[in-house]
Protein backbone atom coordinates (compact mmCIF):
# COMPACT_ATOMS: atom_id res chain seq x y z
CA MET A 1 -14.59 -35.64 -41.15
CA GLU A 2 -17.92 -33.87 -41.77
CA PRO A 3 -16.91 -30.69 -39.85
CA LEU A 4 -13.65 -30.46 -41.86
CA ARG A 5 -15.60 -30.79 -45.10
CA THR A 6 -17.92 -27.99 -43.98
CA VAL A 7 -14.95 -25.75 -43.17
CA ARG A 8 -13.40 -26.39 -46.60
CA ILE A 9 -16.66 -25.55 -48.34
CA GLY A 10 -16.97 -22.35 -46.33
CA ALA A 11 -13.36 -21.36 -47.10
CA ASP A 12 -13.89 -22.00 -50.79
CA SER A 13 -17.08 -19.93 -50.77
CA LEU A 14 -15.28 -17.04 -49.06
CA ARG A 15 -12.38 -17.22 -51.54
CA ILE A 16 -14.77 -17.18 -54.52
CA PHE A 17 -16.67 -14.22 -53.03
CA VAL A 18 -13.49 -12.17 -52.39
CA ASN A 19 -12.05 -12.92 -55.85
CA LYS A 20 -15.32 -12.01 -57.50
CA SER A 21 -15.56 -8.75 -55.53
CA CYS A 22 -12.02 -7.73 -56.46
CA SER A 23 -12.12 -8.91 -60.10
CA LYS A 24 -13.00 -5.45 -61.42
CA LEU A 25 -10.58 -3.54 -59.15
CA GLU A 26 -7.19 -2.34 -60.30
CA ALA A 27 -4.06 -3.38 -58.43
CA TRP A 28 -3.60 0.02 -56.73
CA GLN A 29 -7.18 -0.09 -55.48
CA ILE A 30 -6.67 -3.53 -53.95
CA VAL A 31 -3.46 -2.37 -52.24
CA THR A 32 -5.21 0.76 -50.92
CA VAL A 33 -8.20 -1.15 -49.56
CA THR A 34 -5.93 -3.74 -47.94
CA ALA A 35 -3.63 -1.17 -46.29
CA THR A 36 -6.57 0.93 -45.09
CA THR A 37 -8.33 -2.10 -43.63
CA VAL A 38 -5.19 -3.23 -41.78
CA LEU A 39 -4.42 0.24 -40.41
CA ALA A 40 -8.03 0.74 -39.36
CA GLY A 41 -8.02 -2.64 -37.65
CA VAL A 42 -4.80 -1.84 -35.76
CA TRP A 43 -6.14 1.58 -34.72
CA LEU A 44 -9.43 0.07 -33.55
CA TRP A 45 -7.61 -2.65 -31.59
CA GLU A 46 -5.33 -0.14 -29.86
CA PHE A 47 -8.27 2.20 -29.20
CA ILE A 48 -10.32 -0.51 -27.52
CA PHE A 49 -7.51 -2.33 -25.68
CA GLN A 50 -5.55 0.55 -24.16
CA GLU A 51 -4.20 0.42 -20.61
CA GLU A 52 -7.38 2.11 -19.44
CA SER A 53 -10.65 0.41 -20.32
CA LEU A 54 -12.95 1.84 -23.00
CA VAL A 55 -15.71 2.31 -20.41
CA ASN A 56 -13.50 4.37 -18.09
CA ARG A 57 -12.24 6.49 -20.97
CA CYS A 58 -15.81 7.16 -22.11
CA LYS A 59 -16.81 8.18 -18.57
CA LYS A 60 -13.83 10.52 -18.30
CA THR A 61 -14.64 12.07 -21.67
CA ILE A 62 -18.24 12.68 -20.64
CA PHE A 63 -17.18 14.26 -17.33
CA ARG A 64 -14.54 16.36 -19.07
CA LEU A 65 -17.08 17.68 -21.58
CA ALA A 66 -19.62 18.31 -18.81
CA ARG A 67 -17.09 20.44 -16.94
CA LYS A 68 -16.82 22.70 -20.01
CA ILE A 69 -20.44 23.75 -19.58
CA PRO A 70 -20.15 27.28 -18.08
CA SER A 71 -22.66 26.81 -15.24
CA ILE A 72 -21.09 23.53 -14.14
CA SER A 73 -17.55 24.84 -14.56
CA GLN A 74 -18.25 27.95 -12.48
CA ARG A 75 -19.86 25.93 -9.69
CA ILE A 76 -16.96 23.47 -9.58
CA ASP A 77 -14.44 26.32 -9.52
CA ARG A 78 -16.27 27.94 -6.58
CA GLU A 79 -16.28 24.70 -4.62
CA MET A 80 -12.64 24.04 -5.43
CA LYS A 81 -11.68 27.49 -4.19
CA LYS A 82 -13.52 26.86 -0.91
CA ILE A 83 -11.80 23.51 -0.45
CA ASN A 84 -8.38 25.01 -1.18
CA GLU A 85 -9.00 27.75 1.37
CA THR A 86 -10.17 25.16 3.91
CA PHE A 87 -6.94 23.20 3.51
CA GLU A 88 -4.85 26.37 3.92
CA GLN A 89 -6.77 27.38 7.05
CA GLU A 90 -6.14 23.94 8.54
CA VAL A 91 -2.40 24.35 7.94
CA ILE A 92 -2.42 27.76 9.60
CA HIS A 93 -4.34 26.30 12.56
CA ARG A 94 -1.94 23.37 12.92
CA ASN A 95 1.01 25.76 12.93
CA GLN A 96 -0.72 27.70 15.71
CA GLY A 97 -0.58 31.00 13.86
CA ASN A 98 3.19 31.32 14.17
CA PRO A 99 4.97 33.53 11.63
CA TYR A 100 6.74 31.96 8.66
CA THR A 101 10.38 32.42 7.76
CA THR A 102 10.31 33.00 4.00
CA THR A 103 13.68 34.67 3.42
CA LEU A 104 17.16 33.61 4.42
CA PRO A 105 18.29 35.44 7.59
CA LYS A 106 21.08 37.90 6.94
CA SER A 107 23.20 36.53 9.75
CA GLY A 108 23.28 32.90 10.89
CA LYS A 109 21.57 32.01 14.17
CA ASN A 110 23.37 30.46 17.10
CA HIS A 111 23.03 26.88 18.30
CA HIS A 112 20.64 27.65 21.16
CA ASP A 113 18.21 29.69 19.05
CA ILE A 114 18.08 27.10 16.28
CA VAL A 115 17.41 24.21 18.66
CA GLN A 116 14.77 26.22 20.48
CA GLN A 117 12.97 27.02 17.24
CA VAL A 118 13.11 23.40 16.12
CA GLU A 119 11.58 22.34 19.46
CA GLN A 120 8.83 24.91 18.91
CA TYR A 121 8.09 23.61 15.40
CA LEU A 122 7.99 20.01 16.63
CA SER A 123 5.41 20.97 19.26
CA PHE A 124 2.85 22.01 16.63
CA GLY A 125 -0.19 19.82 16.02
CA ASP A 126 -3.35 18.70 17.78
CA TYR A 127 -2.59 15.03 18.36
CA ASN A 128 -0.73 13.46 21.28
CA TRP A 129 1.29 11.02 19.19
CA LYS A 130 3.74 10.35 22.01
CA GLY A 131 0.80 9.17 24.12
CA GLY A 132 -0.35 6.58 21.57
CA PHE A 133 -3.37 8.46 20.17
CA VAL A 134 -2.32 8.03 16.53
CA SER A 135 -2.88 5.06 14.22
CA GLY A 136 0.47 4.06 12.73
CA ALA A 137 2.66 7.05 11.73
CA VAL A 138 4.90 6.65 14.82
CA TYR A 139 5.63 3.05 15.75
CA ASN A 140 7.72 3.52 18.88
CA TYR A 141 8.90 6.37 21.07
CA ASN A 142 11.79 5.42 23.32
CA PRO A 143 13.91 8.33 24.62
CA GLU A 144 16.82 5.97 25.30
CA LEU A 145 16.74 4.67 21.72
CA ILE A 146 16.35 8.19 20.32
CA LYS A 147 19.43 9.31 22.25
CA LEU A 148 21.41 6.40 20.80
CA LEU A 149 20.21 6.98 17.23
CA THR A 150 20.82 10.73 17.46
CA GLU A 151 24.45 10.02 18.32
CA VAL A 152 24.82 7.32 15.67
CA TYR A 153 23.21 9.44 12.97
CA GLY A 154 25.33 12.41 13.93
CA ARG A 155 28.53 10.40 13.57
CA ALA A 156 27.48 9.03 10.17
CA SER A 157 25.56 12.07 8.88
CA TYR A 158 28.16 12.99 6.27
CA THR A 159 28.78 9.50 4.91
CA ASN A 160 27.59 8.40 1.47
CA PRO A 161 27.47 4.76 0.34
CA LEU A 162 27.69 5.94 -3.27
CA HIS A 163 31.43 5.99 -2.52
CA PRO A 164 32.14 2.56 -1.04
CA ASP A 165 35.89 3.07 -1.21
CA VAL A 166 35.59 6.17 0.99
CA PHE A 167 32.91 4.83 3.37
CA PRO A 168 33.26 1.02 3.39
CA GLY A 169 31.89 0.78 6.95
CA VAL A 170 28.50 2.22 5.99
CA CYS A 171 28.28 -0.19 3.04
CA LYS A 172 29.07 -3.03 5.43
CA MET A 173 26.24 -1.95 7.71
CA GLU A 174 23.81 -1.87 4.78
CA ALA A 175 24.91 -5.33 3.67
CA GLU A 176 24.39 -6.64 7.20
CA VAL A 177 20.90 -5.11 7.46
CA VAL A 178 19.94 -6.78 4.15
CA ARG A 179 21.39 -10.18 5.18
CA ILE A 180 19.72 -10.09 8.61
CA THR A 181 16.37 -9.25 7.05
CA ALA A 182 16.70 -11.86 4.30
CA SER A 183 17.42 -14.51 6.93
CA LEU A 184 14.38 -13.47 8.98
CA PHE A 185 12.26 -13.94 5.84
CA HIS A 186 13.81 -17.41 5.32
CA GLY A 187 15.88 -16.41 2.32
CA GLY A 188 18.28 -18.99 0.94
CA PRO A 189 21.99 -18.55 0.27
CA ASN A 190 21.24 -16.69 -2.97
CA SER A 191 18.82 -14.24 -1.38
CA CYS A 192 19.90 -10.62 -1.64
CA GLY A 193 18.54 -7.07 -1.72
CA THR A 194 19.20 -3.42 -0.96
CA MET A 195 18.10 -0.80 1.51
CA THR A 196 15.85 2.02 0.26
CA THR A 197 14.36 5.20 1.68
CA GLY A 198 10.95 3.64 2.39
CA GLY A 199 8.29 1.19 1.34
CA THR A 200 7.36 3.14 -1.78
CA GLU A 201 10.92 3.04 -3.11
CA SER A 202 11.21 -0.66 -2.24
CA ILE A 203 8.07 -1.34 -4.29
CA LEU A 204 9.24 0.90 -7.13
CA MET A 205 12.55 -0.96 -7.26
CA ALA A 206 10.87 -4.39 -7.42
CA CYS A 207 8.60 -3.19 -10.25
CA LYS A 208 11.54 -1.72 -12.15
CA ALA A 209 13.51 -4.93 -11.72
CA TYR A 210 10.66 -7.09 -13.06
CA ARG A 211 9.94 -4.73 -15.93
CA ASP A 212 13.54 -4.92 -17.11
CA TYR A 213 13.73 -8.65 -16.41
CA ALA A 214 10.61 -9.24 -18.51
CA ARG A 215 12.07 -7.21 -21.38
CA ALA A 216 15.46 -8.90 -21.30
CA GLU A 217 14.42 -12.50 -20.60
CA LYS A 218 10.93 -12.78 -22.11
CA GLY A 219 10.76 -10.07 -24.74
CA ILE A 220 7.80 -8.38 -23.01
CA HIS A 221 7.64 -4.73 -24.07
CA ARG A 222 4.29 -3.83 -22.55
CA PRO A 223 4.68 -5.24 -19.04
CA GLU A 224 1.69 -5.58 -16.74
CA ILE A 225 1.40 -5.83 -12.94
CA VAL A 226 -1.44 -7.99 -11.60
CA LEU A 227 -2.35 -7.13 -8.02
CA PRO A 228 -5.27 -6.94 -5.56
CA VAL A 229 -7.27 -3.70 -5.25
CA THR A 230 -6.02 -3.56 -1.65
CA ALA A 231 -2.36 -3.41 -2.71
CA HIS A 232 -0.49 -0.21 -1.87
CA PRO A 233 -0.81 2.75 -4.35
CA ALA A 234 3.00 2.63 -4.73
CA PHE A 235 2.42 -0.05 -7.38
CA GLU A 236 0.23 2.40 -9.32
CA LYS A 237 2.97 4.98 -8.91
CA ALA A 238 5.46 2.47 -10.32
CA GLY A 239 3.16 1.87 -13.28
CA SER A 240 3.01 5.60 -13.93
CA TYR A 241 6.77 6.08 -13.56
CA PHE A 242 7.92 3.02 -15.49
CA GLY A 243 5.23 2.71 -18.18
CA MET A 244 3.70 -0.48 -16.79
CA ARG A 245 0.03 -1.40 -17.02
CA VAL A 246 -1.62 -2.06 -13.64
CA THR A 247 -4.39 -4.66 -13.60
CA TYR A 248 -6.43 -4.71 -10.40
CA VAL A 249 -8.04 -7.88 -9.07
CA PRO A 250 -11.07 -7.83 -6.74
CA ILE A 251 -11.04 -9.20 -3.22
CA ASP A 252 -13.39 -11.59 -1.48
CA PRO A 253 -15.77 -9.25 0.43
CA GLU A 254 -15.89 -11.63 3.42
CA THR A 255 -12.20 -12.36 3.84
CA THR A 256 -10.93 -9.10 2.28
CA THR A 257 -8.12 -11.12 0.65
CA VAL A 258 -7.49 -11.37 -3.09
CA ASP A 259 -9.76 -13.52 -5.22
CA ILE A 260 -7.33 -16.13 -6.56
CA GLN A 261 -9.55 -17.20 -9.46
CA ALA A 262 -9.94 -13.59 -10.55
CA MET A 263 -6.18 -13.15 -10.35
CA LYS A 264 -5.68 -16.21 -12.53
CA LYS A 265 -8.07 -14.81 -15.15
CA ALA A 266 -6.28 -11.45 -15.10
CA ILE A 267 -2.92 -12.98 -16.08
CA SER A 268 -1.89 -12.30 -19.67
CA ARG A 269 1.15 -12.94 -21.82
CA ASN A 270 2.41 -9.48 -20.78
CA THR A 271 2.15 -10.05 -17.03
CA CYS A 272 5.61 -9.44 -15.55
CA MET A 273 4.77 -9.73 -11.84
CA LEU A 274 2.08 -10.89 -9.43
CA VAL A 275 1.57 -9.14 -6.08
CA GLY A 276 0.23 -10.20 -2.71
CA SER A 277 0.12 -8.26 0.57
CA ALA A 278 1.24 -9.58 3.96
CA PRO A 279 -0.66 -7.78 5.36
CA ASN A 280 -2.58 -5.27 3.25
CA TYR A 281 -2.93 -1.70 4.50
CA PRO A 282 -6.73 -1.24 4.54
CA TYR A 283 -7.78 -4.32 6.52
CA GLY A 284 -4.63 -5.91 7.90
CA THR A 285 -5.46 -9.25 6.26
CA ILE A 286 -2.91 -11.44 4.47
CA ASP A 287 -3.48 -12.59 0.89
CA ASP A 288 -3.10 -16.29 0.11
CA ILE A 289 0.60 -16.06 -0.75
CA GLU A 290 0.92 -19.81 -1.37
CA ALA A 291 -1.85 -19.70 -4.00
CA ILE A 292 -0.39 -16.60 -5.67
CA ALA A 293 3.08 -18.17 -5.71
CA ALA A 294 1.59 -21.32 -7.26
CA LEU A 295 0.24 -19.13 -10.08
CA GLY A 296 3.71 -17.61 -10.43
CA ILE A 297 5.24 -21.05 -10.85
CA GLN A 298 2.49 -22.21 -13.23
CA TYR A 299 2.90 -19.21 -15.56
CA ASN A 300 6.60 -18.52 -14.88
CA ILE A 301 5.91 -15.07 -13.41
CA PRO A 302 7.83 -13.49 -10.50
CA VAL A 303 5.80 -12.98 -7.31
CA HIS A 304 6.31 -10.01 -5.00
CA VAL A 305 5.10 -10.00 -1.39
CA ASP A 306 4.50 -6.53 -0.02
CA ALA A 307 5.22 -6.76 3.70
CA CYS A 308 6.07 -3.08 4.09
CA LEU A 309 3.46 -2.40 6.77
CA GLY A 310 3.70 -5.39 9.05
CA GLY A 311 6.80 -7.22 7.86
CA PHE A 312 8.70 -6.69 11.10
CA VAL A 313 5.74 -8.09 13.04
CA ILE A 314 4.82 -11.17 11.01
CA ILE A 315 8.40 -12.48 10.89
CA PHE A 316 8.42 -12.69 14.68
CA MET A 317 4.87 -13.92 15.24
CA ALA A 318 5.73 -17.62 15.21
CA GLN A 319 8.33 -17.11 17.93
CA ALA A 320 5.80 -14.96 19.80
CA GLY A 321 3.32 -17.87 19.77
CA TYR A 322 1.10 -16.83 16.86
CA ILE A 323 1.06 -19.03 13.75
CA LEU A 324 0.43 -17.57 10.29
CA PRO A 325 0.17 -19.25 6.87
CA PRO A 326 3.52 -19.16 5.00
CA PHE A 327 4.19 -15.80 3.36
CA ASP A 328 7.94 -15.47 2.74
CA PHE A 329 10.80 -17.10 0.81
CA SER A 330 9.87 -20.43 2.38
CA VAL A 331 7.03 -20.46 -0.17
CA PRO A 332 8.24 -21.76 -3.57
CA GLY A 333 7.55 -19.11 -6.18
CA VAL A 334 8.02 -16.03 -3.97
CA THR A 335 10.81 -14.07 -5.65
CA SER A 336 10.84 -10.74 -3.79
CA ILE A 337 9.67 -9.10 -0.56
CA SER A 338 9.50 -5.49 0.60
CA ALA A 339 9.59 -4.71 4.33
CA ASP A 340 9.93 -1.41 6.16
CA THR A 341 12.50 -1.19 8.92
CA HIS A 342 11.15 2.27 9.81
CA LYS A 343 7.79 0.86 10.83
CA TYR A 344 7.78 -2.12 13.20
CA GLY A 345 11.54 -2.38 12.85
CA PHE A 346 11.47 0.87 14.93
CA ALA A 347 14.28 2.45 12.91
CA PRO A 348 14.12 6.20 12.06
CA LYS A 349 11.99 7.24 9.10
CA GLY A 350 13.66 6.81 5.75
CA SER A 351 14.67 3.14 5.74
CA SER A 352 13.22 0.02 4.13
CA VAL A 353 14.49 -3.18 2.52
CA VAL A 354 13.66 -4.84 -0.79
CA LEU A 355 14.74 -8.49 -1.01
CA TYR A 356 15.09 -10.97 -3.89
CA SER A 357 15.38 -14.73 -3.97
CA ASP A 358 18.17 -14.54 -6.55
CA PRO A 359 20.70 -11.90 -7.72
CA LYS A 360 19.40 -12.18 -11.30
CA PHE A 361 16.40 -10.09 -10.23
CA ARG A 362 18.42 -7.55 -8.27
CA HIS A 363 20.70 -7.00 -11.27
CA HIS A 364 17.70 -5.57 -13.13
CA GLN A 365 17.01 -3.19 -10.25
CA PHE A 366 20.39 -1.57 -10.68
CA CYS A 367 20.79 1.43 -12.97
CA VAL A 368 24.08 1.34 -14.90
CA SER A 369 25.46 3.90 -17.33
CA THR A 370 28.63 2.82 -19.14
CA ASP A 371 29.15 5.65 -21.65
CA TRP A 372 29.00 8.81 -19.48
CA PRO A 373 32.03 11.10 -19.91
CA GLY A 374 32.18 11.29 -16.12
CA GLY A 375 32.98 7.60 -15.92
CA VAL A 376 31.08 4.33 -15.48
CA TYR A 377 28.12 5.02 -13.19
CA GLY A 378 26.17 2.46 -11.19
CA SER A 379 23.39 3.03 -8.66
CA PRO A 380 21.50 0.31 -6.76
CA THR A 381 18.36 2.37 -6.04
CA ILE A 382 16.64 5.56 -7.21
CA ASN A 383 18.96 7.88 -5.32
CA GLY A 384 22.57 8.33 -6.30
CA SER A 385 23.95 9.79 -3.11
CA ARG A 386 22.24 8.25 -0.11
CA ALA A 387 22.10 9.15 3.57
CA GLY A 388 24.66 6.98 5.30
CA GLY A 389 23.38 8.25 8.61
CA ILE A 390 19.99 6.57 8.07
CA ILE A 391 21.68 3.28 7.21
CA ALA A 392 23.82 3.46 10.33
CA ALA A 393 20.78 4.35 12.49
CA CYS A 394 18.80 1.41 11.05
CA TRP A 395 21.68 -0.97 11.72
CA ALA A 396 21.99 0.40 15.27
CA THR A 397 18.26 -0.15 15.86
CA LEU A 398 18.50 -3.81 14.88
CA MET A 399 21.47 -4.24 17.18
CA TYR A 400 19.66 -2.44 20.01
CA PHE A 401 16.56 -4.66 19.97
CA GLY A 402 18.01 -8.01 18.93
CA LEU A 403 15.79 -11.03 18.33
CA ASP A 404 14.46 -11.18 21.89
CA GLY A 405 13.54 -7.50 21.85
CA TYR A 406 11.55 -7.79 18.62
CA VAL A 407 9.79 -10.98 19.75
CA ASP A 408 8.81 -9.32 23.01
CA ALA A 409 7.51 -6.23 21.17
CA THR A 410 5.55 -8.47 18.78
CA LYS A 411 3.93 -10.32 21.68
CA LYS A 412 2.73 -7.05 23.18
CA ILE A 413 1.52 -5.61 19.89
CA ILE A 414 -0.42 -8.71 18.80
CA LYS A 415 -1.86 -9.23 22.29
CA THR A 416 -3.11 -5.63 22.28
CA THR A 417 -4.49 -5.96 18.74
CA LYS A 418 -6.41 -9.11 19.54
CA TYR A 419 -7.75 -7.58 22.74
CA ILE A 420 -9.06 -4.54 20.81
CA GLU A 421 -10.54 -6.75 18.09
CA LYS A 422 -12.25 -8.96 20.65
CA GLU A 423 -13.76 -5.99 22.52
CA LEU A 424 -14.93 -4.38 19.28
CA THR A 425 -16.57 -7.59 18.05
CA ALA A 426 -18.68 -9.06 20.81
CA PHE A 427 -19.84 -12.43 19.52
CA LEU A 428 -22.19 -15.04 20.89
CA LYS A 429 -20.37 -17.74 22.77
CA LEU A 430 -22.13 -21.09 22.74
CA SER A 431 -22.14 -23.04 25.98
CA TYR A 432 -22.36 -26.78 25.81
CA SER A 433 -22.84 -29.19 28.67
CA ASP A 434 -19.78 -30.17 30.66
CA GLN A 435 -20.16 -33.68 29.34
CA THR A 436 -18.30 -33.95 26.04
CA PRO A 437 -20.46 -35.44 23.27
CA GLN A 438 -19.37 -38.97 22.52
CA ASN A 439 -20.49 -38.76 18.90
CA SER A 440 -17.75 -37.23 16.75
CA TRP A 441 -20.39 -36.02 14.26
CA ILE A 442 -22.10 -34.00 17.04
CA LEU A 443 -18.70 -32.58 18.02
CA PHE A 444 -18.10 -31.55 14.43
CA CYS A 445 -21.53 -29.91 14.13
CA CYS A 446 -20.95 -27.99 17.37
CA PHE A 447 -17.63 -26.74 16.02
CA ILE A 448 -19.21 -25.62 12.72
CA ASP A 449 -22.01 -23.84 14.61
CA TYR A 450 -19.46 -22.02 16.70
CA LEU A 451 -17.49 -20.90 13.62
CA TRP A 452 -20.66 -19.75 11.90
CA LEU A 453 -21.70 -17.66 14.86
CA TYR A 454 -18.20 -16.26 15.26
CA PHE A 455 -17.93 -15.02 11.70
CA ARG A 456 -21.57 -14.01 11.20
CA LEU A 457 -22.40 -12.44 14.54
CA ARG A 458 -19.09 -10.81 15.40
CA LYS A 459 -20.45 -7.30 15.92
CA MET A 460 -21.04 -4.78 18.68
CA GLU A 461 -23.78 -2.19 18.52
CA GLY A 462 -23.66 -1.58 14.79
CA LEU A 463 -19.95 -2.26 14.17
CA PHE A 464 -18.31 -5.05 12.22
CA VAL A 465 -14.70 -5.95 11.58
CA PHE A 466 -13.46 -6.36 8.00
CA GLY A 467 -12.14 -9.88 7.48
CA THR A 468 -9.96 -11.53 10.10
CA PRO A 469 -7.04 -9.28 11.11
CA ALA A 470 -3.80 -11.22 10.79
CA SER A 471 -1.35 -8.97 12.57
CA SER A 472 -1.57 -5.43 13.88
CA VAL A 473 -4.38 -3.69 11.98
CA VAL A 474 -8.08 -3.73 12.92
CA ALA A 475 -10.50 -2.25 10.38
CA ILE A 476 -14.12 -1.57 11.25
CA GLY A 477 -17.24 -0.47 9.41
CA SER A 478 -20.97 -0.18 9.99
CA LYS A 479 -24.14 -1.02 8.10
CA VAL A 480 -26.25 0.93 10.60
CA PHE A 481 -24.64 4.41 10.57
CA HIS A 482 -22.01 6.27 8.58
CA ILE A 483 -18.71 5.09 10.05
CA TYR A 484 -17.11 8.48 9.45
CA ARG A 485 -19.33 9.82 12.25
CA LEU A 486 -17.43 7.60 14.66
CA SER A 487 -14.12 8.68 13.10
CA ASP A 488 -15.08 12.34 13.55
CA ALA A 489 -16.18 11.77 17.16
CA LEU A 490 -12.95 9.98 18.03
CA CYS A 491 -10.96 12.70 16.31
CA LYS A 492 -12.55 15.25 18.64
CA ARG A 493 -11.41 13.09 21.54
CA GLY A 494 -7.84 13.28 20.31
CA TRP A 495 -7.63 10.03 18.30
CA ASN A 496 -6.21 10.05 14.77
CA LEU A 497 -7.44 7.00 12.81
CA ASN A 498 -7.16 6.14 9.14
CA PRO A 499 -10.33 6.42 7.00
CA LEU A 500 -11.03 3.81 4.33
CA GLN A 501 -13.28 3.88 1.26
CA PHE A 502 -15.07 1.45 -1.08
CA PRO A 503 -16.74 0.68 1.32
CA PRO A 504 -16.36 3.38 3.98
CA GLY A 505 -14.46 2.23 7.05
CA LEU A 506 -11.67 3.17 9.41
CA HIS A 507 -8.77 1.30 10.86
CA LEU A 508 -6.45 1.38 13.83
CA CYS A 509 -2.86 0.37 13.14
CA VAL A 510 -1.73 -0.86 16.56
CA THR A 511 1.86 0.11 17.38
CA TYR A 512 4.13 -0.34 20.34
CA MET A 513 2.77 2.99 21.57
CA HIS A 514 -0.66 1.38 22.09
CA THR A 515 0.73 -1.35 24.35
CA ALA A 516 1.38 1.13 27.15
CA ASP A 517 -0.84 0.78 30.23
CA GLY A 518 -4.36 2.11 29.74
CA ILE A 519 -4.11 3.17 26.07
CA ALA A 520 -6.14 0.30 24.58
CA GLU A 521 -8.69 0.59 27.41
CA ARG A 522 -9.00 4.33 26.81
CA PHE A 523 -9.56 3.76 23.09
CA LEU A 524 -12.25 1.16 23.66
CA SER A 525 -13.94 3.29 26.31
CA ASP A 526 -14.07 6.25 23.92
CA VAL A 527 -15.47 4.06 21.15
CA ARG A 528 -18.22 2.71 23.41
CA GLU A 529 -19.22 6.14 24.65
CA GLU A 530 -19.35 7.70 21.19
CA LEU A 531 -21.09 4.64 19.80
CA ALA A 532 -23.84 5.00 22.40
CA ILE A 533 -24.39 8.61 21.30
CA ILE A 534 -24.39 7.74 17.59
CA MET A 535 -26.85 4.88 18.00
CA LYS A 536 -29.44 7.28 19.42
CA ASP A 537 -29.72 8.75 15.92
CA PRO A 538 -27.94 6.36 13.52
CA GLY A 539 -29.39 8.02 10.41
CA LYS A 540 -27.83 11.38 11.07
CA PRO A 541 -25.46 12.41 8.24
CA VAL A 542 -21.75 12.90 8.81
CA GLU A 543 -20.65 16.51 9.29
CA GLY A 544 -17.47 18.58 9.26
CA LYS A 545 -14.32 17.69 7.36
CA PHE A 546 -15.29 14.01 7.34
CA ALA A 547 -18.41 14.94 5.36
CA MET A 548 -16.10 16.03 2.52
CA TYR A 549 -14.10 12.81 2.78
CA GLY A 550 -17.32 10.80 2.91
CA MET A 551 -18.58 12.61 -0.14
CA SER A 552 -15.40 12.03 -2.11
CA HIS A 553 -15.79 8.26 -2.39
CA SER A 554 -19.27 8.68 -3.93
CA ILE A 555 -18.26 11.22 -6.60
CA PRO A 556 -18.32 9.43 -10.00
CA ASP A 557 -15.92 11.91 -11.59
CA ARG A 558 -12.69 10.82 -9.89
CA SER A 559 -10.78 13.67 -11.51
CA ILE A 560 -12.54 16.02 -9.07
CA VAL A 561 -11.36 13.87 -6.17
CA GLY A 562 -7.89 14.04 -7.71
CA ASP A 563 -8.12 17.83 -7.66
CA PHE A 564 -9.11 17.72 -3.98
CA THR A 565 -6.01 15.67 -3.29
CA ARG A 566 -3.75 18.00 -5.25
CA PHE A 567 -5.05 20.97 -3.26
CA PHE A 568 -4.32 19.08 -0.06
CA LEU A 569 -0.77 18.39 -1.22
CA ASP A 570 -0.41 22.04 -2.22
CA SER A 571 -1.40 23.03 1.32
CA MET A 572 1.57 21.09 2.73
CA TYR A 573 3.81 23.68 1.06
CA TYR A 574 1.75 26.69 2.08
CA THR A 575 3.52 29.89 3.05
CA PRO A 576 1.83 33.30 3.16
CA SER A 577 2.06 35.25 -0.07
CA SER A 578 4.42 38.19 -0.02
CA LYS A 579 2.80 41.62 -0.53
């Protein structure tokens, strides 16, 4: 009772102090002071607790003011101009100096000339992607399949599932693709979804669905997405498009999977969805989906699994002989999954699937307008009119491969990935006597020693692998030399790998193209040869275009890096200026 008595005395003292302070004030003064204090408090709260942290906003303000200093501004402008010109020159080089068509021809060209020019355009570029020298980007190249899909797409090229009464067959094919995919991800009888134009749209649709679900069912008007820093930038894009706050959670530096305790701490009353990757793009590791789903159940928050990159590998891995921790609708609490059919599903670019455990979530993905003079309008995804040809081609791809075809492809891809990982990470193998220790404790200690050596010493001449690759991505880094030097060297040998940052690294996304005879061996041979050269002078700085990329991750003013990126995107639309 003593603490309660102390509280009462304190409250009485505060009341007496406030009354005494206000005793000489008039009523209007008290009202003014009260209103001003409340408004100031609300302003201060909103200023401190905006979507972006106060620290980041202060840093951006300082950088913005610094860039207004004439000497700094002029120097930045000069460097930006050089970078923009560099990007444009690279585009001109990739297009092999061929002239641009910038005005509509007066008379239409014939069939032969058009096809010939298309073939010429498609031959541009420095990389032999058909030969398997590219990481990701192209996941399969099968002339027989391409011939089939060309015919299928041609037949369905003018169809539009926006008009199901006119093109019911295309809608049927989309429904079948969704049902097949939902079944592969162990969806129940209520599982459902839609096709989209790619992984980004699938992610956008899930975020939109959960934003609207949170508003309608929970009264959340400032929805937040909680996700690992390794999650795809499409979630950030969704936050920008749909007015959702994005809260990033750190990863465990050893496993490169999300820190579950940090994710739990990041959850707030406004959290409308939790995200896990299976696998993530940078390192190819799978977040602990069971733990994330358990948080979703505990706090009644939907959980989205982003399987866009490797979804059509991991769903076949068990049948291919490789066991993974549960990651799909078989995990209680998982409410949606995104998976790209145009990656390891080997369908043409422009197709993906977003799935839900229950129609109540998909209903919030739909966009419905009931009061338009043109009639009642409903659209399942971002696009109104959609390419029926892509849907038909995706359906045809699934029919072409069948379960056995995908399982066989998965076996080859995972076997190749593990072979590359093993060769890149030479580790010390302990050899014990042929006589098995009788003492179980000794056996256990031997096993622990082996694991310790495997995870601590798995390196080869200055390289290390990030985490433990779960499917088809192997990411490597170095603590001895700048890893972008290896990326640059391999680029000069014709390889196109994906650079990583924070920390610097690079990864190879193994596709069906890499399972061809000699491709993996050629890659490893090139790595060894270039590594031997680099290790002669490991302290040498990175040069060339990778020097700019290497510099970008260390620039504290990220707005400058953003400008670099915008110039690069501008260069994609480069045409010579008319004089």
